Amino acid sequence: MDLEYTFPKGFWWGAAASAPQTEGAPYEGNKGKTVWDYWYEKEPNRFFNGVGPENAFKFYNNYEEDIKLMKKLNFNSYRTSISWSRLIPGGVGEVNNKAVEFYNNVINQLIENGIEPFLNLFHFDMPMEMQKIGGWENKEVVEAYTNYAKICFKLFGDRVKKWTTFNEPIGPASGGYLYGSQYPGIVNFKKAIQVSFNTMIANAKAIKEYKKMNIKGGEIGIILNLSPVYPRSNNLSDLRAGKVADLFFNRSFIDPAVKGVYPNELVEILDNYSHLPNYTEDEINLLKDNTVDFLGVNYYQPRRVKAKENMPNPYAPFMPDYFYDEYIMPGRRMNPYRGWEIYEKGIYDIMIDIKENYNNIPSYISENGMGVENEERFLNKNGVIEDDYRIDFIKSHLKWLHKAINEGCNCKGYHLWTFIDNWSWLNAYKNRYGLVSLDLKTGKRTIKESGYWYKDVIKNNGF
């Protein structure tokens, strides 16, 4: 078969997910509470249709069948996370043997089915007991996380060779401490900066522990959601706005993760506004000495900005958009369900940036996907969802990724978000992302048209 787009041999094809969005069973197997379990108990009205984390698709109970379904779709890799509160209820103390058995079974069955497990240590799901003492604001939690990471490496590192420390560490920092979309819903930029810094210290400490183990063939990275920043124009004020937005939302994490240092321009801005985090020289050296082996890139949408139209309100909280305004570009293509712009070239621009400015570190697309509401509208007479829009979305992003690889970018794989329609934080099941549809009443899994298409892409290593 002549393929227009062929990917490198050994390309990682699969999907991404997380423990809190798939496992369900929040009160089974001696699991402790996460911030999401707690928040749902306190404010169920904040969650779409009142649907909480116990309504995730119960991978905890159905993992055997679900892994067989992954194999049916030809996955050669799958990324999920370990639930800290399941493995160590409360975040510190005794290891939960039921959790060890569960994760061992999942890892072993993935490997038996020819699917390489990529395991992530933290995906927004802070144990509630850790949050009660300040979460990532508190360096004690950094130490508890480091110990948890070490336990994971010892328990599962003989078989798991691809580890990541965090998924989208900016999420809990900005969602929990700036914009109110995650618990604890604080609006305080200085705290958000401290949380971000402490998270990167936790990342470095976990890497240090992993390297000590000297596991043959093992690698450890981090997963960042990178949004290329496009200024409205080449006007100097617009360019400055774009540079600051890039510093805050991209370089504040990718620079310490890959280079081991923060950008000088970012440090100067934070210093000018008395917003530097508390840190020690030992921590700065720790960052320098413990950088990632590879980078996972979550890409969904670009960020478009322009110079401020008006002076910031002096009585409002100090926020990142003190320095720029969002730019609504005329004619942009939107996913109306999620409210996100669809801009496929962004995936190429990120890869070129990594090649040119981050030493072409090995990377892969760790998330990319399209959420659509009321997908049952597209059911055909055979009960299959005809999601041509998702096929077009994946295909057009893969074309740009292919171009980047052909131009020398060191991209190793592509993981779609996601495998089975999963529970998605405050949005619950409002938007569906899966290659496989989930019947919320029965739990039945049905492969969508995109699932069959993706299966062939993997089989052919291209399209």
Protein backbone atom coordinates (compact mmCIF):
# COMPACT_ATOMS: atom_id res chain seq x y z
CA MET A 1 0.00 0.00 0.00
CA ASP A 2 1.36 3.44 -0.96
CA LEU A 3 0.98 5.78 1.98
CA GLU A 4 1.28 9.53 1.69
CA TYR A 5 2.28 9.92 5.35
CA THR A 6 4.56 7.27 6.88
CA PHE A 7 5.96 7.63 10.39
CA PRO A 8 9.33 6.47 11.76
CA LYS A 9 9.81 2.82 12.66
CA GLY A 10 8.87 2.11 16.27
CA PHE A 11 6.58 5.16 16.49
CA TRP A 12 4.51 5.14 19.70
CA TRP A 13 0.85 4.91 18.76
CA GLY A 14 -1.88 4.80 21.39
CA ALA A 15 -3.93 6.95 23.70
CA ALA A 16 -3.63 8.85 26.96
CA ALA A 17 -5.78 8.80 30.07
CA SER A 18 -5.47 9.23 33.84
CA ALA A 19 -6.36 7.34 37.00
CA PRO A 20 -8.93 9.84 38.33
CA GLN A 21 -10.70 10.07 34.96
CA THR A 22 -10.92 6.35 34.25
CA GLU A 23 -10.57 4.16 37.34
CA GLY A 24 -13.82 5.02 39.13
CA ALA A 25 -14.23 2.97 42.33
CA PRO A 26 -13.18 5.90 44.57
CA TYR A 27 -14.27 4.04 47.70
CA GLU A 28 -13.12 0.54 46.70
CA GLY A 29 -9.86 -1.22 47.46
CA ASN A 30 -9.00 1.00 50.47
CA LYS A 31 -8.43 4.06 48.30
CA GLY A 32 -8.03 7.44 50.04
CA LYS A 33 -9.83 10.62 49.00
CA THR A 34 -8.49 13.00 46.37
CA VAL A 35 -9.31 16.69 46.17
CA TRP A 36 -11.86 15.79 43.48
CA ASP A 37 -13.67 13.26 45.68
CA TYR A 38 -13.80 15.83 48.47
CA TRP A 39 -14.88 18.73 46.25
CA TYR A 40 -17.65 16.66 44.70
CA GLU A 41 -18.97 15.73 48.15
CA LYS A 42 -19.01 19.41 49.16
CA GLU A 43 -20.17 21.09 45.93
CA PRO A 44 -21.71 18.60 43.47
CA ASN A 45 -23.41 21.50 41.71
CA ARG A 46 -20.01 22.59 40.33
CA PHE A 47 -19.86 19.40 38.23
CA PHE A 48 -21.72 19.13 34.90
CA ASN A 49 -25.08 17.41 35.48
CA GLY A 50 -23.89 16.65 39.03
CA VAL A 51 -21.73 13.77 37.74
CA GLY A 52 -18.75 13.08 40.00
CA PRO A 53 -15.53 11.04 39.88
CA GLU A 54 -17.19 7.77 40.87
CA ASN A 55 -18.75 7.83 37.39
CA ALA A 56 -15.44 7.33 35.60
CA PHE A 57 -15.65 4.30 33.32
CA LYS A 58 -14.53 1.84 36.03
CA PHE A 59 -11.22 0.77 34.58
CA TYR A 60 -10.49 -0.46 38.12
CA ASN A 61 -13.06 -3.22 37.61
CA ASN A 62 -12.90 -3.66 33.81
CA TYR A 63 -9.21 -3.30 32.99
CA GLU A 64 -8.91 -6.81 31.49
CA GLU A 65 -11.60 -6.22 28.88
CA ASP A 66 -10.42 -2.67 28.24
CA ILE A 67 -6.84 -3.78 27.59
CA LYS A 68 -8.13 -6.39 25.13
CA LEU A 69 -9.96 -3.56 23.39
CA MET A 70 -6.71 -1.56 23.20
CA LYS A 71 -5.06 -4.54 21.57
CA LYS A 72 -7.96 -4.81 19.11
CA LEU A 73 -7.23 -1.19 18.13
CA ASN A 74 -3.52 -2.08 17.61
CA PHE A 75 -2.18 0.20 20.37
CA ASN A 76 1.53 -0.31 20.96
CA SER A 77 1.57 2.05 23.97
CA TYR A 78 -0.81 3.52 26.51
CA ARG A 79 -0.33 6.30 29.02
CA THR A 80 -2.21 6.47 32.27
CA SER A 81 -1.38 7.50 35.83
CA ILE A 82 -1.03 5.92 39.22
CA SER A 83 -3.40 7.31 41.83
CA TRP A 84 -1.25 8.51 44.74
CA SER A 85 -4.27 8.28 47.06
CA ARG A 86 -4.97 4.71 45.95
CA LEU A 87 -1.38 3.53 46.37
CA ILE A 88 -0.74 5.40 49.64
CA PRO A 89 -4.09 6.45 51.16
CA GLY A 90 -3.58 9.85 52.76
CA GLY A 91 -0.38 10.49 50.78
CA VAL A 92 1.99 9.18 53.49
CA GLY A 93 2.24 5.96 55.43
CA GLU A 94 1.50 2.35 54.54
CA VAL A 95 1.38 1.17 50.94
CA ASN A 96 -2.03 -0.24 49.98
CA ASN A 97 -1.49 -3.86 48.85
CA LYS A 98 -4.78 -3.92 46.92
CA ALA A 99 -3.54 -1.01 44.83
CA VAL A 100 -0.18 -2.72 44.23
CA GLU A 101 -2.04 -5.81 43.00
CA PHE A 102 -4.24 -3.71 40.71
CA TYR A 103 -1.37 -1.76 39.13
CA ASN A 104 0.74 -4.91 38.77
CA ASN A 105 -2.13 -6.60 36.95
CA VAL A 106 -2.63 -3.62 34.63
CA ILE A 107 1.09 -3.35 33.82
CA ASN A 108 1.49 -7.08 33.24
CA GLN A 109 -1.57 -7.32 31.01
CA LEU A 110 -0.54 -4.33 28.94
CA ILE A 111 2.88 -5.89 28.34
CA GLU A 112 1.36 -9.33 27.58
CA ASN A 113 -0.77 -7.62 24.91
CA GLY A 114 2.21 -5.88 23.31
CA ILE A 115 1.31 -2.47 24.74
CA GLU A 116 4.09 -0.49 26.41
CA PRO A 117 2.91 1.18 29.63
CA PHE A 118 3.74 4.84 30.07
CA LEU A 119 3.09 5.65 33.72
CA ASN A 120 2.54 9.14 35.05
CA LEU A 121 2.82 9.88 38.77
CA PHE A 122 0.49 12.86 39.20
CA HIS A 123 -2.53 13.95 37.18
CA PHE A 124 -4.30 16.68 39.22
CA ASP A 125 -5.35 14.22 41.96
CA MET A 126 -3.81 15.47 45.20
CA PRO A 127 -4.64 13.27 48.22
CA MET A 128 -7.01 15.35 50.35
CA GLU A 129 -4.86 14.95 53.47
CA MET A 130 -1.96 16.51 51.57
CA GLN A 131 -4.14 19.40 50.37
CA LYS A 132 -5.26 20.06 53.95
CA ILE A 133 -1.66 20.90 54.87
CA GLY A 134 -1.33 23.24 51.88
CA GLY A 135 -0.86 20.97 48.87
CA TRP A 136 1.99 22.11 46.62
CA GLU A 137 2.36 25.28 48.69
CA ASN A 138 3.92 23.11 51.39
CA LYS A 139 7.42 21.65 50.96
CA GLU A 140 6.37 18.74 53.19
CA VAL A 141 4.07 17.65 50.38
CA VAL A 142 7.02 17.83 47.96
CA GLU A 143 8.87 15.38 50.24
CA ALA A 144 5.83 13.10 50.52
CA TYR A 145 5.50 13.07 46.70
CA THR A 146 9.20 12.25 46.33
CA ASN A 147 8.78 9.27 48.64
CA TYR A 148 5.67 8.16 46.72
CA ALA A 149 7.63 8.39 43.45
CA LYS A 150 10.46 6.30 44.89
CA ILE A 151 7.97 3.63 45.99
CA CYS A 152 6.44 3.53 42.50
CA PHE A 153 9.85 3.10 40.86
CA LYS A 154 10.71 0.24 43.21
CA LEU A 155 7.37 -1.52 42.81
CA PHE A 156 6.93 -1.19 39.05
CA GLY A 157 10.22 0.02 37.56
CA ASP A 158 11.37 -3.48 36.57
CA ARG A 159 8.67 -3.49 33.86
CA VAL A 160 7.74 0.16 33.28
CA LYS A 161 10.46 1.93 31.29
CA LYS A 162 8.63 5.16 30.45
CA TRP A 163 7.82 7.37 33.45
CA THR A 164 6.54 10.91 33.72
CA THR A 165 6.48 12.96 36.89
CA PHE A 166 3.52 15.26 36.16
CA ASN A 167 0.81 15.83 33.61
CA GLU A 168 0.22 19.53 32.95
CA PRO A 169 1.66 20.87 36.22
CA ILE A 170 0.37 24.31 35.26
CA GLY A 171 -3.18 22.94 35.67
CA PRO A 172 -3.35 22.70 39.48
CA ALA A 173 -1.32 25.93 39.77
CA SER A 174 -3.49 28.07 37.50
CA GLY A 175 -6.77 26.20 38.01
CA GLY A 176 -6.42 25.94 41.78
CA TYR A 177 -4.74 29.27 42.54
CA LEU A 178 -5.73 31.70 39.76
CA TYR A 179 -8.92 30.83 37.90
CA GLY A 180 -11.06 28.68 40.22
CA SER A 181 -11.42 25.66 37.92
CA GLN A 182 -9.69 23.30 40.36
CA TYR A 183 -9.70 22.87 44.11
CA PRO A 184 -8.99 24.87 46.33
CA GLY A 185 -10.24 27.69 44.07
CA ILE A 186 -7.88 30.40 45.38
CA VAL A 187 -7.19 33.58 43.36
CA ASN A 188 -3.65 34.55 44.32
CA PHE A 189 -0.93 34.85 41.67
CA LYS A 190 1.91 34.71 44.20
CA LYS A 191 0.60 31.42 45.61
CA ALA A 192 0.20 30.09 42.06
CA ILE A 193 3.85 30.90 41.39
CA GLN A 194 4.95 29.17 44.60
CA VAL A 195 2.87 26.11 43.72
CA SER A 196 4.42 26.05 40.23
CA PHE A 197 7.95 26.33 41.62
CA ASN A 198 7.42 23.65 44.27
CA THR A 199 5.98 21.33 41.61
CA MET A 200 9.14 21.69 39.54
CA ILE A 201 11.22 20.98 42.65
CA ALA A 202 9.13 17.82 43.15
CA ASN A 203 9.79 16.95 39.48
CA ALA A 204 13.56 17.34 40.00
CA LYS A 205 13.54 15.32 43.23
CA ALA A 206 11.64 12.46 41.56
CA ILE A 207 14.10 12.48 38.65
CA LYS A 208 17.01 12.38 41.09
CA GLU A 209 15.50 9.33 42.84
CA TYR A 210 14.87 7.60 39.51
CA LYS A 211 18.42 8.17 38.25
CA LYS A 212 19.81 6.71 41.47
CA MET A 213 18.14 3.41 40.58
CA ASN A 214 20.01 3.19 37.27
CA ILE A 215 17.30 1.12 35.59
CA LYS A 216 18.50 -0.20 32.23
CA GLY A 217 16.49 1.28 29.38
CA GLY A 218 14.42 3.42 31.74
CA GLU A 219 13.55 7.04 30.98
CA ILE A 220 11.77 9.75 32.94
CA GLY A 221 10.10 12.84 31.56
CA ILE A 222 7.31 15.32 32.16
CA ILE A 223 4.11 16.12 30.25
CA LEU A 224 3.43 19.80 29.53
CA ASN A 225 0.47 21.40 27.80
CA LEU A 226 2.17 23.77 25.39
CA SER A 227 0.18 26.38 23.48
CA PRO A 228 2.16 28.30 20.87
CA VAL A 229 1.62 32.02 21.40
CA TYR A 230 0.74 34.14 18.35
CA PRO A 231 0.73 37.94 18.75
CA ARG A 232 -1.90 39.89 16.82
CA SER A 233 0.75 41.72 14.75
CA ASN A 234 4.44 42.58 14.45
CA ASN A 235 3.85 45.80 16.36
CA LEU A 236 6.36 45.95 19.20
CA SER A 237 3.62 46.16 21.84
CA ASP A 238 1.87 43.05 20.47
CA LEU A 239 5.19 41.19 20.27
CA ARG A 240 5.93 42.10 23.88
CA ALA A 241 2.50 40.83 24.94
CA GLY A 242 3.19 37.55 23.14
CA LYS A 243 6.60 37.18 24.75
CA VAL A 244 5.21 37.65 28.27
CA ALA A 245 2.33 35.20 27.68
CA ASP A 246 4.85 32.64 26.38
CA LEU A 247 7.03 33.13 29.46
CA PHE A 248 4.11 32.64 31.85
CA PHE A 249 2.36 29.72 30.19
CA ASN A 250 5.07 27.77 28.36
CA ARG A 251 8.61 28.68 29.33
CA SER A 252 7.87 28.79 33.08
CA PHE A 253 7.71 24.97 32.93
CA ILE A 254 9.60 23.81 29.84
CA ASP A 255 12.76 25.77 30.69
CA PRO A 256 13.29 24.37 34.21
CA ALA A 257 12.24 20.87 33.03
CA VAL A 258 14.55 20.69 30.01
CA LYS A 259 17.27 23.31 30.67
CA GLY A 260 17.25 23.25 34.47
CA VAL A 261 16.91 27.03 34.76
CA TYR A 262 14.15 29.63 34.62
CA PRO A 263 14.22 32.28 31.87
CA ASN A 264 15.93 35.49 33.02
CA GLU A 265 13.12 37.62 31.57
CA LEU A 266 10.55 35.74 33.66
CA VAL A 267 12.61 36.11 36.83
CA GLU A 268 12.96 39.87 36.16
CA ILE A 269 9.21 40.36 35.69
CA LEU A 270 8.34 38.45 38.85
CA ASP A 271 11.04 40.29 40.78
CA ASN A 272 9.77 43.68 39.58
CA TYR A 273 6.31 42.85 40.93
CA SER A 274 7.56 41.22 44.16
CA HIS A 275 6.22 37.84 43.04
CA LEU A 276 9.30 35.62 43.17
CA PRO A 277 8.69 32.34 45.00
CA ASN A 278 10.51 31.36 48.17
CA TYR A 279 13.51 29.24 47.19
CA THR A 280 16.97 28.15 48.30
CA GLU A 281 20.25 27.91 46.39
CA ASP A 282 20.14 24.14 46.92
CA GLU A 283 16.81 24.03 45.09
CA ILE A 284 18.21 26.04 42.17
CA ASN A 285 21.11 23.58 41.92
CA LEU A 286 18.70 20.64 42.19
CA LEU A 287 16.79 21.92 39.15
CA LYS A 288 20.04 22.35 37.22
CA ASP A 289 21.21 18.81 37.93
CA ASN A 290 17.94 16.92 37.35
CA THR A 291 16.41 17.56 33.96
CA VAL A 292 14.06 15.31 31.98
CA ASP A 293 15.05 12.59 29.50
CA PHE A 294 12.08 13.29 27.25
CA LEU A 295 9.12 15.60 26.93
CA GLY A 296 5.44 14.81 26.53
CA VAL A 297 3.52 17.54 24.72
CA ASN A 298 -0.22 18.03 25.15
CA TYR A 299 -1.52 20.22 22.33
CA TYR A 300 -5.10 21.37 21.93
CA GLN A 301 -5.17 25.02 20.92
CA PRO A 302 -3.01 28.09 20.32
CA ARG A 303 -2.93 31.22 22.48
CA ARG A 304 -3.49 34.51 20.62
CA VAL A 305 -2.72 37.77 22.37
CA LYS A 306 -2.46 41.52 21.78
CA ALA A 307 -1.25 44.55 23.70
CA LYS A 308 -3.52 45.75 26.50
CA GLU A 309 -6.45 47.88 25.33
CA ASN A 310 -6.89 49.46 28.78
CA MET A 311 -4.83 49.89 31.91
CA PRO A 312 -5.37 47.08 34.44
CA ASN A 313 -7.82 47.74 37.25
CA PRO A 314 -5.61 48.75 40.20
CA TYR A 315 -8.09 47.18 42.65
CA ALA A 316 -8.35 43.80 40.86
CA PRO A 317 -6.09 40.86 41.77
CA PHE A 318 -2.73 40.89 40.01
CA MET A 319 -2.98 38.31 37.20
CA PRO A 320 -0.98 37.21 34.12
CA ASP A 321 -3.32 39.18 31.84
CA TYR A 322 -2.05 42.36 33.51
CA PHE A 323 0.38 42.27 30.56
CA TYR A 324 -1.78 41.32 27.56
CA ASP A 325 -5.33 40.84 26.26
CA GLU A 326 -6.69 37.80 24.51
CA TYR A 327 -6.91 38.35 20.76
CA ILE A 328 -9.98 36.98 18.99
CA MET A 329 -8.65 36.45 15.48
CA PRO A 330 -11.31 36.98 12.79
CA GLY A 331 -12.04 33.80 10.85
CA ARG A 332 -10.48 31.39 13.33
CA ARG A 333 -11.86 27.83 13.24
CA MET A 334 -13.48 26.75 16.47
CA ASN A 335 -14.60 23.61 18.20
CA PRO A 336 -17.89 25.17 19.38
CA TYR A 337 -18.48 22.50 22.03
CA ARG A 338 -15.23 23.10 23.89
CA GLY A 339 -14.79 26.75 22.91
CA TRP A 340 -11.28 26.08 21.64
CA GLU A 341 -9.67 27.14 18.39
CA ILE A 342 -8.62 24.37 16.00
CA TYR A 343 -5.22 25.27 14.57
CA GLU A 344 -3.33 22.25 13.32
CA LYS A 345 -0.10 24.08 12.44
CA GLY A 346 0.40 24.75 16.16
CA ILE A 347 1.63 21.17 16.60
CA TYR A 348 4.34 21.82 14.00
CA ASP A 349 5.36 25.14 15.55
CA ILE A 350 5.78 23.53 18.99
CA MET A 351 7.98 20.78 17.56
CA ILE A 352 10.15 23.28 15.66
CA ASP A 353 10.52 25.35 18.85
CA ILE A 354 11.66 22.24 20.77
CA LYS A 355 14.13 21.42 17.99
CA GLU A 356 15.59 24.92 17.79
CA ASN A 357 15.48 26.04 21.42
CA TYR A 358 15.50 22.87 23.53
CA ASN A 359 18.27 20.84 21.92
CA ASN A 360 15.76 18.71 19.99
CA ILE A 361 15.09 16.68 23.15
CA PRO A 362 13.17 13.44 22.42
CA SER A 363 9.47 14.25 22.63
CA TYR A 364 6.09 12.86 21.75
CA ILE A 365 2.54 14.15 21.46
CA SER A 366 1.13 12.94 24.74
CA GLU A 367 -2.36 14.39 24.22
CA ASN A 368 -4.28 15.80 21.28
CA GLY A 369 -7.99 15.39 20.74
CA MET A 370 -11.41 16.81 20.08
CA GLY A 371 -14.30 16.89 22.54
CA VAL A 372 -17.81 16.92 21.07
CA GLU A 373 -21.17 17.21 22.82
CA ASN A 374 -24.17 14.92 22.16
CA GLU A 375 -22.28 12.50 19.92
CA GLU A 376 -25.23 10.11 19.97
CA ARG A 377 -26.63 12.35 17.18
CA PHE A 378 -24.16 10.64 14.89
CA LEU A 379 -25.15 7.03 15.61
CA ASN A 380 -25.69 4.99 12.45
CA LYS A 381 -28.09 2.05 12.06
CA ASN A 382 -25.36 -0.32 13.31
CA GLY A 383 -25.01 1.61 16.57
CA VAL A 384 -21.61 3.07 15.62
CA ILE A 385 -20.85 6.78 16.03
CA GLU A 386 -19.76 8.25 12.70
CA ASP A 387 -17.29 10.83 13.96
CA ASP A 388 -15.72 11.97 10.68
CA TYR A 389 -14.92 15.30 12.36
CA ARG A 390 -12.57 13.48 14.77
CA ILE A 391 -10.86 11.60 11.94
CA ASP A 392 -10.34 14.91 10.11
CA PHE A 393 -9.01 16.51 13.32
CA ILE A 394 -6.47 13.72 13.96
CA LYS A 395 -5.46 13.44 10.31
CA SER A 396 -4.82 17.17 9.89
CA HIS A 397 -2.70 17.32 13.06
CA LEU A 398 -0.74 14.23 12.03
CA LYS A 399 0.05 15.83 8.65
CA TRP A 400 1.72 18.77 10.39
CA LEU A 401 3.47 16.43 12.83
CA HIS A 402 4.76 14.40 9.89
CA LYS A 403 6.16 17.59 8.32
CA ALA A 404 7.96 18.45 11.58
CA ILE A 405 9.50 14.96 11.77
CA ASN A 406 10.63 15.21 8.14
CA GLU A 407 12.36 18.48 9.06
CA GLY A 408 14.35 16.73 11.78
CA CYS A 409 12.17 17.10 14.88
CA ASN A 410 12.80 14.30 17.36
CA CYS A 411 9.18 13.25 17.88
CA LYS A 412 8.71 9.63 18.90
CA GLY A 413 4.94 9.14 19.01
CA TYR A 414 1.34 10.27 19.14
CA HIS A 415 -1.19 9.56 21.89
CA LEU A 416 -4.74 10.63 21.32
CA TRP A 417 -6.88 11.96 24.13
CA THR A 418 -8.52 9.55 24.69
CA PHE A 419 -9.24 5.80 24.48
CA ILE A 420 -12.78 5.46 25.94
CA ASP A 421 -14.98 8.51 26.59
CA ASN A 422 -13.85 9.50 30.06
CA TRP A 423 -14.95 11.62 32.99
CA SER A 424 -13.50 15.08 32.62
CA TRP A 425 -13.31 17.08 35.86
CA LEU A 426 -15.99 19.78 36.18
CA ASN A 427 -17.22 19.00 32.65
CA ALA A 428 -17.86 15.32 33.53
CA TYR A 429 -19.21 13.74 30.30
CA LYS A 430 -20.33 16.94 28.61
CA ASN A 431 -17.81 16.52 25.79
CA ARG A 432 -16.78 13.11 24.47
CA TYR A 433 -13.17 12.54 23.36
CA GLY A 434 -12.88 8.78 22.95
CA LEU A 435 -12.13 6.43 20.08
CA VAL A 436 -14.62 4.22 21.93
CA SER A 437 -18.05 5.42 23.11
CA LEU A 438 -19.29 4.75 26.61
CA ASP A 439 -22.94 4.09 27.46
CA LEU A 440 -23.30 5.81 30.83
CA LYS A 441 -26.22 3.61 31.88
CA THR A 442 -24.82 0.20 30.97
CA GLY A 443 -21.07 0.83 30.76
CA LYS A 444 -21.05 -0.73 27.28
CA ARG A 445 -18.04 0.16 25.11
CA THR A 446 -18.53 0.58 21.34
CA ILE A 447 -15.74 1.45 18.90
CA LYS A 448 -16.45 4.64 16.94
CA GLU A 449 -15.65 5.11 13.27
CA SER A 450 -12.53 7.04 14.36
CA GLY A 451 -11.42 3.99 16.37
CA TYR A 452 -11.49 1.78 13.27
CA TRP A 453 -9.67 4.44 11.24
CA TYR A 454 -7.00 4.88 13.94
CA LYS A 455 -6.57 1.10 14.14
CA ASP A 456 -5.59 1.07 10.46
CA VAL A 457 -3.25 4.04 10.89
CA ILE A 458 -1.36 2.13 13.59
CA LYS A 459 -1.32 -1.07 11.54
CA ASN A 460 0.15 0.80 8.56
CA ASN A 461 2.28 3.21 10.62
CA GLY A 462 0.73 5.98 8.57
CA PHE A 463 -2.12 6.85 6.22
